[in-house]
Amino acid sequence: MAVNLIQRTDAEALIPVEVAREIIQGVPQYSAVMQLGTRLPNMTAKQKRLPVLNSLPMAYFVNGDTGRKQTTKVDWKNKFLEAEEIAVIVPIPEAVLDDADYDIWGQIRPRIEAAFGEVFDAAVLYGTNKPSTWPDGIVTQATSKGKVVALGTGADLYDDIMAEGGVIDLVEQSGYMVNGHVAAMSMRAKLRGLRDADGQPIFKATMQEGTRYQLDGEPMIFPQNGSVDPTKSLLIAGDWRQLVYAIRQDITYKILTEAVIQDPATGDIVYNLAQQDMVALRCVMRLAWQIPNPINQLDRDENTRFMFSVLTPPASP
């Protein structure tokens, strides 16, 4: 996208002090992955190395009082956090800026936070538009490791999630404990329809309080940022503490007043800022994520070991 950048102008009155800090604090509210994952200290370079345990020490019985003690091998391998850029441009008509009583920043900031949250979550969950340096999405990796259950596999939805062979069990088989779930919005209706043996809704304690969705005592998040694709996953369960992310560069911004904004797909001019009496706010951040997936005693095979599993729509007939 070719744009002409200029120096700061009076339009910067649009941006309050501490804008970067405010957005960085706000983005996790719109990102399910950031809410559940583990944030590492900010990166000081584009790449950060994560040493990952690759083999476990072995212990042996000593044969008698004079038996010889054996040695064991422990080694590590490297995984890397690669910081990549996420950006958004928000065009604003100057006529709107002229309305001094209108809280422009209050209207724009949530949209920026949601945009960053959506693109990050979609890349992490499905690999959507991910940079080549980032790992495959969670759903892709879970599928390759056999951590997938199709809706309708068990006797009912409860079995698909909670029973032996369900999505929670698949995570436990790899030596991890599920501590959270990311679900499609359509799962709310499916869960509301679950009833116990007496016909009472499982997820409704009283008629006076809101429904608190939990599975096996762990919270469920229903992202409203558009990042969850219900055709690919209805529920993603996992030990989200094992997913790590780090920020290389906090939000930075520039005000554009005489740029041309083009459609990146077609090259067509969408906005000519000078000609249309507009300004545009360009926001950029750089961040990275990774799943170290170290070896553990319950699942030593990297081909099957994974801390996430997925409930997918029913298999096609």
Protein backbone atom coordinates (compact mmCIF):
# COMPACT_ATOMS: atom_id res chain seq x y z
CA MET A 1 0.00 0.00 0.00
CA ALA A 2 1.74 3.18 -1.22
CA VAL A 3 1.16 6.25 0.93
CA ASN A 4 2.98 9.54 1.37
CA LEU A 5 3.86 10.10 5.01
CA ILE A 6 4.13 13.67 6.33
CA GLN A 7 5.20 15.32 9.54
CA ARG A 8 2.86 15.81 12.48
CA THR A 9 0.10 18.35 11.96
CA ASP A 10 -2.68 19.89 13.94
CA ALA A 11 -4.68 16.74 13.34
CA GLU A 12 -2.60 15.14 16.09
CA ALA A 13 -4.95 16.75 18.57
CA LEU A 14 -7.04 13.69 17.77
CA ILE A 15 -4.55 11.50 19.66
CA PRO A 16 -4.39 11.85 23.45
CA VAL A 17 -1.23 11.31 25.47
CA GLU A 18 -0.36 7.68 26.36
CA VAL A 19 -2.14 6.35 23.28
CA ALA A 20 0.19 3.36 22.96
CA ARG A 21 -0.27 2.29 26.56
CA GLU A 22 -4.04 2.60 26.32
CA ILE A 23 -4.31 0.47 23.21
CA ILE A 24 -1.90 -2.19 24.46
CA GLN A 25 -4.02 -2.53 27.60
CA GLY A 26 -7.19 -2.63 25.54
CA VAL A 27 -6.22 -5.16 22.86
CA PRO A 28 -6.32 -8.19 25.24
CA GLN A 29 -9.96 -7.41 25.99
CA TYR A 30 -10.71 -8.09 22.33
CA SER A 31 -8.33 -11.04 21.97
CA ALA A 32 -9.29 -14.40 23.42
CA VAL A 33 -5.77 -15.70 22.87
CA MET A 34 -4.20 -12.84 24.82
CA GLN A 35 -6.70 -13.25 27.65
CA LEU A 36 -5.87 -16.92 28.12
CA GLY A 37 -2.25 -17.15 26.94
CA THR A 38 0.94 -16.25 28.80
CA ARG A 39 2.53 -12.92 28.01
CA LEU A 40 6.32 -12.95 28.08
CA PRO A 41 8.49 -9.87 28.67
CA ASN A 42 8.67 -7.53 25.70
CA MET A 43 11.08 -8.63 23.01
CA THR A 44 14.24 -6.58 22.47
CA ALA A 45 14.88 -7.95 18.98
CA LYS A 46 12.86 -9.38 16.12
CA GLN A 47 13.64 -12.94 17.20
CA LYS A 48 13.55 -14.51 20.66
CA ARG A 49 14.88 -18.01 21.34
CA LEU A 50 12.98 -20.43 23.58
CA PRO A 51 15.00 -23.46 24.73
CA VAL A 52 12.58 -26.40 24.98
CA LEU A 53 13.21 -29.64 26.87
CA ASN A 54 13.49 -32.41 24.28
CA SER A 55 14.28 -35.50 26.40
CA LEU A 56 13.71 -36.55 29.98
CA PRO A 57 16.24 -37.90 32.49
CA MET A 58 15.91 -41.59 33.31
CA ALA A 59 16.43 -43.09 36.76
CA TYR A 60 17.48 -46.70 37.47
CA PHE A 61 17.64 -49.11 40.35
CA VAL A 62 21.11 -49.89 41.60
CA ASN A 63 21.82 -53.62 41.61
CA GLY A 64 22.92 -54.39 45.19
CA ASP A 65 25.33 -52.62 47.48
CA THR A 66 28.11 -52.64 44.92
CA GLY A 67 26.00 -51.98 41.82
CA ARG A 68 26.97 -49.23 39.41
CA LYS A 69 24.85 -46.16 38.97
CA GLN A 70 23.87 -45.40 35.38
CA THR A 71 23.97 -42.11 33.55
CA THR A 72 21.19 -40.42 31.60
CA LYS A 73 20.92 -37.90 28.81
CA VAL A 74 18.94 -34.65 28.81
CA ASP A 75 18.85 -32.30 25.84
CA TRP A 76 17.05 -29.22 24.60
CA LYS A 77 15.96 -27.86 21.24
CA ASN A 78 15.18 -24.32 20.17
CA LYS A 79 11.89 -22.75 19.19
CA PHE A 80 11.67 -19.12 18.20
CA LEU A 81 9.36 -16.19 18.66
CA GLU A 82 9.37 -14.16 15.44
CA ALA A 83 7.94 -10.67 15.75
CA GLU A 84 5.70 -9.66 12.86
CA GLU A 85 3.76 -6.48 12.14
CA ILE A 86 0.02 -5.92 12.43
CA ALA A 87 -1.34 -2.61 11.20
CA VAL A 88 -4.57 -0.77 10.53
CA ILE A 89 -5.46 2.55 8.92
CA VAL A 90 -8.55 4.45 10.05
CA PRO A 91 -9.70 7.20 7.63
CA ILE A 92 -11.65 10.08 9.21
CA PRO A 93 -13.45 12.94 7.41
CA GLU A 94 -12.17 16.33 8.51
CA ALA A 95 -15.76 17.48 8.88
CA VAL A 96 -16.11 15.00 11.71
CA LEU A 97 -13.00 16.35 13.38
CA ASP A 98 -14.48 19.85 13.30
CA ASP A 99 -17.16 18.76 15.76
CA ALA A 100 -15.39 19.62 18.99
CA ASP A 101 -18.07 17.99 21.16
CA TYR A 102 -17.71 14.60 19.47
CA ASP A 103 -15.48 12.06 21.27
CA ILE A 104 -13.59 10.87 18.21
CA TRP A 105 -10.97 8.96 20.13
CA GLY A 106 -13.59 7.22 22.27
CA GLN A 107 -15.23 5.96 19.08
CA ILE A 108 -12.10 4.93 17.22
CA ARG A 109 -10.05 3.26 19.94
CA PRO A 110 -12.36 0.24 20.48
CA ARG A 111 -12.42 -0.34 16.73
CA ILE A 112 -8.63 -0.36 16.56
CA GLU A 113 -8.36 -2.70 19.53
CA ALA A 114 -10.93 -5.04 18.00
CA ALA A 115 -9.14 -5.03 14.65
CA PHE A 116 -5.82 -5.99 16.23
CA GLY A 117 -7.50 -8.65 18.38
CA GLU A 118 -9.32 -10.19 15.44
CA VAL A 119 -6.33 -10.52 13.13
CA PHE A 120 -4.10 -11.91 15.90
CA ASP A 121 -6.66 -14.46 17.10
CA ALA A 122 -7.47 -15.67 13.58
CA ALA A 123 -3.78 -16.18 12.84
CA VAL A 124 -3.18 -18.08 16.09
CA LEU A 125 -6.34 -20.20 16.00
CA TYR A 126 -6.43 -21.07 12.28
CA GLY A 127 -3.31 -19.65 10.67
CA THR A 128 -5.46 -17.15 8.76
CA ASN A 129 -3.17 -14.80 6.80
CA LYS A 130 -0.34 -15.72 9.19
CA PRO A 131 3.25 -14.66 8.42
CA SER A 132 5.43 -17.52 7.20
CA THR A 133 7.62 -17.23 10.30
CA TRP A 134 4.72 -18.00 12.66
CA PRO A 135 3.72 -21.55 13.59
CA ASP A 136 0.65 -23.23 12.16
CA GLY A 137 -2.63 -22.34 13.83
CA ILE A 138 -3.88 -24.27 16.86
CA VAL A 139 -6.64 -26.02 14.91
CA THR A 140 -4.19 -27.07 12.18
CA GLN A 141 -1.71 -28.47 14.70
CA ALA A 142 -4.44 -30.21 16.73
CA THR A 143 -5.75 -31.87 13.56
CA SER A 144 -2.31 -33.14 12.58
CA LYS A 145 -1.83 -34.65 16.05
CA GLY A 146 -5.22 -36.35 16.20
CA LYS A 147 -6.70 -34.01 18.81
CA VAL A 148 -10.06 -33.53 17.10
CA VAL A 149 -13.58 -34.72 17.94
CA ALA A 150 -16.45 -34.20 15.49
CA LEU A 151 -19.77 -33.14 16.99
CA GLY A 152 -22.01 -36.21 17.25
CA THR A 153 -19.17 -38.69 17.79
CA GLY A 154 -20.40 -39.53 21.29
CA ALA A 155 -23.88 -40.19 22.63
CA ASP A 156 -24.46 -36.45 23.03
CA LEU A 157 -22.66 -33.11 23.30
CA TYR A 158 -21.75 -33.83 26.91
CA ASP A 159 -19.90 -36.99 25.85
CA ASP A 160 -18.15 -35.20 22.98
CA ILE A 161 -16.69 -32.74 25.47
CA MET A 162 -16.47 -34.39 28.87
CA ALA A 163 -16.37 -38.17 28.46
CA GLU A 164 -13.54 -40.55 27.64
CA GLY A 165 -12.30 -39.71 24.17
CA GLY A 166 -13.84 -36.23 24.37
CA VAL A 167 -11.96 -32.99 23.76
CA ILE A 168 -10.93 -32.55 27.41
CA ASP A 169 -9.67 -36.14 27.63
CA LEU A 170 -7.55 -35.71 24.49
CA VAL A 171 -5.65 -32.87 26.18
CA GLU A 172 -5.20 -34.88 29.36
CA GLN A 173 -3.78 -37.80 27.37
CA SER A 174 -0.86 -35.53 26.48
CA GLY A 175 -0.17 -34.71 30.13
CA TYR A 176 -1.86 -31.31 30.26
CA MET A 177 -4.81 -29.98 32.24
CA VAL A 178 -7.41 -27.89 30.41
CA ASN A 179 -7.71 -24.42 31.95
CA GLY A 180 -9.90 -22.66 29.40
CA HIS A 181 -12.04 -22.91 26.29
CA VAL A 182 -12.58 -20.69 23.24
CA ALA A 183 -15.94 -21.37 21.61
CA ALA A 184 -18.00 -20.20 18.67
CA MET A 185 -21.01 -18.08 19.57
CA SER A 186 -23.30 -20.86 18.31
CA MET A 187 -22.08 -23.06 21.16
CA ARG A 188 -24.02 -20.96 23.65
CA ALA A 189 -27.32 -22.24 22.30
CA LYS A 190 -26.05 -25.82 22.21
CA LEU A 191 -24.94 -25.60 25.84
CA ARG A 192 -28.15 -23.91 26.95
CA GLY A 193 -30.00 -26.90 25.53
CA LEU A 194 -28.14 -29.39 27.74
CA ARG A 195 -30.33 -30.79 30.54
CA ASP A 196 -29.77 -33.15 33.42
CA ALA A 197 -31.71 -36.35 34.15
CA ASP A 198 -34.53 -34.29 35.65
CA GLY A 199 -34.82 -32.11 32.59
CA GLN A 200 -33.26 -29.07 34.24
CA PRO A 201 -30.82 -26.88 32.27
CA ILE A 202 -27.22 -27.59 33.29
CA PHE A 203 -25.97 -24.05 32.68
CA LYS A 204 -28.74 -22.10 34.41
CA ALA A 205 -28.65 -22.00 38.20
CA THR A 206 -31.50 -19.52 38.72
CA MET A 207 -33.77 -17.31 36.65
CA GLN A 208 -32.39 -14.19 38.35
CA GLU A 209 -28.68 -14.42 37.46
CA GLY A 210 -26.77 -14.59 34.22
CA THR A 211 -25.42 -17.84 32.86
CA ARG A 212 -21.76 -18.43 33.71
CA TYR A 213 -20.39 -20.84 31.13
CA GLN A 214 -17.78 -23.26 32.43
CA LEU A 215 -16.72 -26.74 31.40
CA ASP A 216 -15.19 -28.96 34.05
CA GLY A 217 -14.82 -25.87 36.22
CA GLU A 218 -12.82 -23.90 33.64
CA PRO A 219 -14.02 -20.69 31.92
CA MET A 220 -15.33 -20.40 28.39
CA ILE A 221 -14.76 -17.37 26.17
CA PHE A 222 -17.00 -16.58 23.22
CA PRO A 223 -15.02 -14.08 21.11
CA GLN A 224 -17.13 -11.38 19.49
CA ASN A 225 -14.31 -10.04 17.33
CA GLY A 226 -15.16 -12.30 14.39
CA SER A 227 -12.02 -14.43 14.71
CA VAL A 228 -13.73 -17.78 15.43
CA ASP A 229 -14.84 -19.70 12.34
CA PRO A 230 -17.68 -22.07 13.35
CA THR A 231 -17.16 -24.10 10.17
CA LYS A 232 -13.71 -25.06 11.46
CA SER A 233 -14.13 -25.21 15.23
CA LEU A 234 -17.01 -25.09 17.67
CA LEU A 235 -14.80 -25.37 20.74
CA ILE A 236 -11.06 -25.22 21.39
CA ALA A 237 -10.06 -26.63 24.77
CA GLY A 238 -6.55 -26.54 26.14
CA ASP A 239 -3.89 -25.57 28.60
CA TRP A 240 -3.59 -21.98 27.43
CA ARG A 241 -0.72 -21.30 29.84
CA GLN A 242 1.49 -23.22 27.41
CA LEU A 243 0.83 -20.69 24.64
CA VAL A 244 3.16 -17.72 24.93
CA TYR A 245 3.21 -14.38 23.17
CA ALA A 246 5.42 -11.31 23.38
CA ILE A 247 5.28 -7.77 22.07
CA ARG A 248 8.26 -6.39 20.17
CA GLN A 249 6.86 -2.93 19.52
CA ASP A 250 4.00 -1.20 21.29
CA ILE A 251 1.42 0.67 19.26
CA THR A 252 2.90 3.46 17.17
CA TYR A 253 0.88 5.87 15.08
CA LYS A 254 1.16 8.42 12.31
CA ILE A 255 -1.33 10.94 11.02
CA LEU A 256 -1.71 10.91 7.23
CA THR A 257 -3.30 13.94 5.56
CA GLU A 258 -2.25 13.83 1.90
CA ALA A 259 -1.92 10.10 1.27
CA VAL A 260 -3.71 7.90 -1.21
CA ILE A 261 -5.13 4.70 0.29
CA GLN A 262 -5.49 1.80 -2.12
CA ASP A 263 -7.27 -1.54 -1.98
CA PRO A 264 -4.36 -4.00 -1.51
CA ALA A 265 -6.16 -6.65 -3.57
CA THR A 266 -7.13 -4.60 -6.63
CA GLY A 267 -4.93 -1.52 -6.39
CA ASP A 268 -8.00 0.71 -6.75
CA ILE A 269 -7.89 4.02 -4.89
CA VAL A 270 -10.29 3.85 -1.95
CA TYR A 271 -9.54 7.26 -0.45
CA ASN A 272 -7.65 10.29 -1.68
CA LEU A 273 -7.24 12.09 1.63
CA ALA A 274 -6.35 15.53 0.27
CA GLN A 275 -9.03 15.51 -2.39
CA GLN A 276 -11.73 14.22 -0.05
CA ASP A 277 -10.82 16.42 2.95
CA MET A 278 -9.88 13.48 5.14
CA VAL A 279 -7.13 12.41 7.52
CA ALA A 280 -6.13 8.88 8.43
CA LEU A 281 -4.74 7.36 11.61
CA ARG A 282 -2.21 4.58 10.96
CA CYS A 283 -1.52 2.24 13.89
CA VAL A 284 1.17 -0.43 13.93
CA MET A 285 2.31 -3.04 16.46
CA ARG A 286 4.75 -5.96 16.28
CA LEU A 287 4.33 -9.15 18.24
CA ALA A 288 4.96 -12.90 18.17
CA TRP A 289 3.59 -16.15 19.60
CA GLN A 290 4.71 -19.73 20.03
CA ILE A 291 3.84 -23.07 21.64
CA PRO A 292 7.02 -24.57 23.16
CA ASN A 293 5.39 -28.04 23.75
CA PRO A 294 8.17 -29.55 25.91
CA ILE A 295 8.34 -33.29 26.49
CA ASN A 296 6.61 -34.70 29.58
CA GLN A 297 6.26 -38.04 31.30
CA LEU A 298 2.74 -38.82 30.04
CA ASP A 299 3.35 -38.22 26.35
CA ARG A 300 6.91 -38.37 25.10
CA ASP A 301 5.93 -38.48 21.41
CA GLU A 302 5.96 -35.05 19.78
CA ASN A 303 3.78 -36.41 16.96
CA THR A 304 0.85 -36.84 19.37
CA ARG A 305 1.71 -34.48 22.25
CA PHE A 306 -0.37 -31.30 22.19
CA MET A 307 -2.09 -29.18 24.81
CA PHE A 308 -5.11 -28.28 22.70
CA SER A 309 -8.00 -30.22 21.21
CA VAL A 310 -10.88 -29.17 19.00
CA LEU A 311 -14.59 -29.92 18.71
CA THR A 312 -15.46 -29.56 15.05
CA PRO A 313 -18.82 -29.48 13.23
CA PRO A 314 -20.29 -32.88 12.31
CA ALA A 315 -18.42 -34.77 9.65
CA SER A 316 -19.99 -34.56 6.20
CA PRO A 317 -22.00 -37.69 5.26
